[in-house]
Amino acid sequence: MIELYYWPTPNGHKITMFLEEAGLDYEIHPVNISAGDQFKPEFLAFSPNNRMPAIIDRAPTDGGDAISVFESGAILQYLAEKTGKFLPDDIRGRTTVMEWLFWQMGGLGPMLGQNHHFGTYAPEKIPYAINRYVNETNRLYGVLNKRLEGRDFIADDYSIADMACYPWIVPHERQQQNLDDFPNLKRWFTAIGERKGTIDAYAKGKADHFTPTVTEESKKILFGQTAKTGN
């Protein structure tokens, strides 16, 4: 059994997409990031960066004690290795998947996250910051569009690289991007959105207890943390 500590954000959706695709048994523990659940001591005990998602695997493959994993990319790699799914065994295929997984973790996610922040949440609309991240989002979309030319998926076969990237493209309108400008990306995006695993994963995030509660106070929780306040 996998215990998933989750909220329906792009990083959260990555993990439910894998779990649904792989058919693993899992139990969701909501982590309301707007209410500050991510700072509770019991959560910090296994997710020290006070971010979700995180998992606890109660039945690891070595038969030992439970294993906890934080950071969505590390979770995807762990689950792929546990199940033998969505990560090639051969060194060339595996390297390609890991390149694009790291590309998402180091570029696509952080840059699009800043796009969301300055375009939607920042109390002061700073044109330079908004343009900076909208333009960088556009550049990254272009990188992915070029990669997908002549390919159904990022690494040829459906993999954790696709699961990592897809949820960050879902809010493309909020990111001020037009998918018609990226035909290969649009084709890929549509195909993944039609997969049963994707549909079921996103359905999990629509339960009543996941209703967003973004207020001025929750913005302070989400965006106002320092080393002192976050520990």
Protein backbone atom coordinates (compact mmCIF):
# COMPACT_ATOMS: atom_id res chain seq x y z
CA MET A 1 0.00 0.00 0.00
CA ILE A 2 1.24 3.47 -0.95
CA GLU A 3 0.22 6.34 1.31
CA LEU A 4 0.12 9.48 -0.80
CA TYR A 5 0.25 12.90 0.85
CA TYR A 6 -1.35 15.05 -1.78
CA TRP A 7 -3.10 18.20 -2.90
CA PRO A 8 -4.38 18.64 -6.50
CA THR A 9 -1.53 20.75 -7.87
CA PRO A 10 0.60 19.92 -10.93
CA ASN A 11 3.14 18.13 -8.75
CA GLY A 12 0.40 16.23 -6.95
CA HIS A 13 -1.23 15.15 -10.22
CA LYS A 14 2.05 13.63 -11.42
CA ILE A 15 1.87 10.99 -8.72
CA THR A 16 -1.79 10.08 -9.06
CA MET A 17 -1.20 9.73 -12.80
CA PHE A 18 1.51 7.15 -12.15
CA LEU A 19 -0.45 5.30 -9.49
CA GLU A 20 -3.53 5.07 -11.69
CA GLU A 21 -1.54 3.98 -14.75
CA ALA A 22 0.37 1.34 -12.77
CA GLY A 23 -2.70 0.06 -10.94
CA LEU A 24 -1.07 0.34 -7.53
CA ASP A 25 -3.16 0.35 -4.37
CA TYR A 26 -2.89 3.72 -2.67
CA GLU A 27 -4.53 5.87 -0.07
CA ILE A 28 -4.68 9.65 -0.28
CA HIS A 29 -3.96 11.81 2.74
CA PRO A 30 -4.94 15.40 1.89
CA VAL A 31 -2.34 18.07 2.64
CA ASN A 32 -4.16 21.40 2.45
CA ILE A 33 -1.29 23.66 1.53
CA SER A 34 -3.46 26.79 1.82
CA ALA A 35 -4.21 25.91 5.45
CA GLY A 36 -0.59 25.12 6.31
CA ASP A 37 -0.86 21.34 6.67
CA GLN A 38 2.59 21.05 5.10
CA PHE A 39 4.13 22.55 8.25
CA LYS A 40 2.70 20.03 10.67
CA PRO A 41 5.48 18.17 12.53
CA GLU A 42 4.13 14.76 11.54
CA PHE A 43 4.39 15.73 7.85
CA LEU A 44 7.79 17.37 8.19
CA ALA A 45 9.10 14.14 9.71
CA PHE A 46 9.21 12.60 6.23
CA SER A 47 8.89 15.65 3.95
CA PRO A 48 11.44 18.10 5.41
CA ASN A 49 11.10 20.67 2.61
CA ASN A 50 7.48 21.28 3.71
CA ARG A 51 6.19 20.51 0.25
CA MET A 52 3.85 17.89 -1.05
CA PRO A 53 3.57 15.36 -2.61
CA ALA A 54 5.28 12.76 -0.49
CA ILE A 55 4.69 9.05 -0.16
CA ILE A 56 5.18 6.28 2.36
CA ASP A 57 5.55 2.82 0.85
CA ARG A 58 4.42 0.32 3.46
CA ALA A 59 5.51 -2.64 1.33
CA PRO A 60 8.89 -1.85 -0.24
CA THR A 61 10.45 -4.39 -2.55
CA ASP A 62 13.22 -5.28 -0.08
CA GLY A 63 10.64 -6.44 2.47
CA GLY A 64 12.02 -4.09 5.10
CA ASP A 65 10.56 -1.16 6.99
CA ALA A 66 8.41 1.43 5.26
CA ILE A 67 10.20 3.84 2.92
CA SER A 68 9.21 7.50 2.64
CA VAL A 69 10.03 9.63 -0.40
CA PHE A 70 9.61 13.36 -0.93
CA GLU A 71 10.05 15.44 -4.13
CA SER A 72 7.78 14.51 -7.03
CA GLY A 73 10.58 13.56 -9.42
CA ALA A 74 12.16 11.26 -6.86
CA ILE A 75 8.76 9.72 -6.18
CA LEU A 76 8.19 9.02 -9.87
CA GLN A 77 11.61 7.39 -10.17
CA TYR A 78 11.03 5.34 -7.01
CA LEU A 79 7.64 4.10 -8.16
CA ALA A 80 8.95 3.30 -11.65
CA GLU A 81 11.78 1.24 -10.18
CA LYS A 82 9.41 -0.45 -7.72
CA THR A 83 6.99 -1.53 -10.44
CA GLY A 84 9.30 -1.88 -13.42
CA LYS A 85 6.97 0.39 -15.37
CA PHE A 86 7.35 3.65 -17.32
CA LEU A 87 11.15 3.70 -17.07
CA PRO A 88 13.21 1.70 -19.57
CA ASP A 89 15.70 -0.91 -18.40
CA ASP A 90 18.27 -0.16 -21.09
CA ILE A 91 20.81 2.54 -20.32
CA ARG A 92 20.02 4.67 -23.37
CA GLY A 93 16.27 4.70 -22.90
CA ARG A 94 16.57 5.23 -19.17
CA THR A 95 18.99 8.11 -19.63
CA THR A 96 16.64 9.86 -22.04
CA VAL A 97 13.71 9.57 -19.64
CA MET A 98 15.80 10.85 -16.75
CA GLU A 99 17.07 13.80 -18.82
CA TRP A 100 13.54 14.96 -19.48
CA LEU A 101 12.40 14.26 -15.94
CA PHE A 102 15.20 16.49 -14.65
CA TRP A 103 14.36 19.06 -17.34
CA GLN A 104 10.87 19.27 -15.94
CA MET A 105 12.00 19.41 -12.33
CA GLY A 106 14.71 22.00 -12.94
CA GLY A 107 13.07 24.12 -15.63
CA LEU A 108 9.49 23.56 -16.71
CA GLY A 109 8.01 23.34 -13.22
CA PRO A 110 9.91 26.19 -11.53
CA MET A 111 9.57 28.61 -14.44
CA LEU A 112 5.88 27.95 -14.97
CA GLY A 113 5.38 28.20 -11.22
CA GLN A 114 6.84 31.71 -11.31
CA ASN A 115 4.56 32.47 -14.25
CA HIS A 116 1.59 31.49 -12.08
CA HIS A 117 2.87 33.49 -9.13
CA PHE A 118 3.54 36.82 -10.82
CA GLY A 119 0.60 36.58 -13.19
CA THR A 120 -2.04 35.40 -10.71
CA TYR A 121 -1.03 35.63 -7.07
CA ALA A 122 1.42 38.51 -6.67
CA PRO A 123 -0.23 41.51 -4.96
CA GLU A 124 1.64 43.86 -7.27
CA LYS A 125 1.57 43.20 -11.01
CA ILE A 126 5.15 43.76 -12.14
CA PRO A 127 5.28 43.88 -15.96
CA TYR A 128 8.95 42.90 -16.15
CA ALA A 129 8.42 39.79 -13.99
CA ILE A 130 5.25 38.77 -15.83
CA ASN A 131 6.89 39.18 -19.25
CA ARG A 132 10.03 37.39 -18.08
CA TYR A 133 8.19 34.23 -17.05
CA VAL A 134 5.59 34.28 -19.83
CA ASN A 135 8.44 34.46 -22.34
CA GLU A 136 10.40 31.71 -20.60
CA THR A 137 7.27 29.55 -20.52
CA ASN A 138 6.93 30.10 -24.25
CA ARG A 139 10.56 29.10 -24.79
CA LEU A 140 10.12 25.90 -22.79
CA TYR A 141 6.93 25.03 -24.66
CA GLY A 142 8.99 25.42 -27.84
CA VAL A 143 11.66 23.04 -26.53
CA LEU A 144 9.04 20.41 -25.77
CA ASN A 145 7.25 20.98 -29.07
CA LYS A 146 10.49 20.39 -30.96
CA ARG A 147 11.24 17.25 -28.94
CA LEU A 148 7.81 15.84 -29.79
CA GLU A 149 8.22 16.24 -33.53
CA GLY A 150 7.74 12.76 -34.98
CA ARG A 151 7.24 11.22 -31.52
CA ASP A 152 4.11 10.15 -29.69
CA PHE A 153 5.75 10.70 -26.31
CA ILE A 154 8.78 12.51 -24.94
CA ALA A 155 10.97 9.40 -24.80
CA ASP A 156 9.15 7.47 -27.56
CA ASP A 157 7.22 5.23 -25.13
CA TYR A 158 4.93 6.66 -22.45
CA SER A 159 7.04 7.27 -19.35
CA ILE A 160 7.46 9.19 -16.13
CA ALA A 161 8.82 12.06 -18.23
CA ASP A 162 5.37 12.53 -19.79
CA MET A 163 3.67 12.23 -16.40
CA ALA A 164 5.99 14.89 -14.99
CA CYS A 165 5.40 17.39 -17.79
CA TYR A 166 1.71 17.01 -18.60
CA PRO A 167 0.21 18.57 -15.44
CA TRP A 168 2.25 21.73 -15.95
CA ILE A 169 0.75 22.20 -19.42
CA VAL A 170 -2.85 21.82 -18.20
CA PRO A 171 -3.07 25.50 -17.09
CA HIS A 172 -1.65 26.76 -20.39
CA GLU A 173 -4.26 29.50 -20.74
CA ARG A 174 -3.35 30.90 -17.33
CA GLN A 175 0.26 30.83 -18.48
CA GLN A 176 -0.74 32.97 -21.50
CA GLN A 177 0.13 30.26 -24.01
CA ASN A 178 -1.80 29.14 -27.09
CA LEU A 179 -1.36 25.44 -27.84
CA ASP A 180 -2.15 26.09 -31.50
CA ASP A 181 1.31 27.66 -31.68
CA PHE A 182 2.82 24.29 -30.69
CA PRO A 183 1.16 21.60 -32.83
CA ASN A 184 3.33 18.67 -31.68
CA LEU A 185 2.82 19.62 -28.04
CA LYS A 186 -0.92 20.02 -28.57
CA ARG A 187 -1.20 16.56 -30.15
CA TRP A 188 0.74 15.00 -27.26
CA PHE A 189 -1.26 16.95 -24.68
CA THR A 190 -4.57 15.83 -26.16
CA ALA A 191 -3.49 12.18 -26.30
CA ILE A 192 -2.35 12.09 -22.68
CA GLY A 193 -5.50 13.85 -21.52
CA GLU A 194 -7.56 11.07 -23.09
CA ARG A 195 -5.76 8.25 -21.26
CA LYS A 196 -7.87 6.50 -18.63
CA GLY A 197 -5.08 6.87 -16.08
CA THR A 198 -5.04 10.63 -16.58
CA ILE A 199 -8.81 10.95 -16.40
CA ASP A 200 -9.00 8.87 -13.22
CA ALA A 201 -6.08 10.72 -11.63
CA TYR A 202 -7.64 14.13 -12.19
CA ALA A 203 -11.00 12.86 -10.94
CA LYS A 204 -9.34 12.10 -7.58
CA GLY A 205 -8.46 15.78 -7.21
CA LYS A 206 -12.05 16.95 -7.67
CA ALA A 207 -13.39 15.62 -4.37
CA ASP A 208 -15.16 18.15 -2.16
CA HIS A 209 -12.38 18.20 0.44
CA PHE A 210 -9.96 19.49 -2.21
CA THR A 211 -11.86 22.74 -2.77
CA PRO A 212 -9.26 25.55 -3.10
CA THR A 213 -9.21 28.07 -0.29
CA VAL A 214 -6.84 30.75 -1.56
CA THR A 215 -7.26 33.83 0.63
CA GLU A 216 -4.96 36.65 1.65
CA GLU A 217 -4.07 34.65 4.74
CA SER A 218 -3.38 31.51 2.73
CA LYS A 219 -1.12 33.51 0.40
CA LYS A 220 0.99 34.40 3.43
CA ILE A 221 1.24 30.70 4.24
CA LEU A 222 2.10 29.75 0.66
CA PHE A 223 4.45 32.58 -0.26
CA GLY A 224 5.68 34.19 2.93
CA GLN A 225 7.80 31.47 4.48
CA THR A 226 11.41 31.91 5.55
CA ALA A 227 13.84 29.57 7.32
CA LYS A 228 12.48 30.83 10.63
CA THR A 229 8.76 30.67 9.88
CA GLY A 230 8.95 27.41 7.96
CA ASN A 231 10.49 25.33 10.72
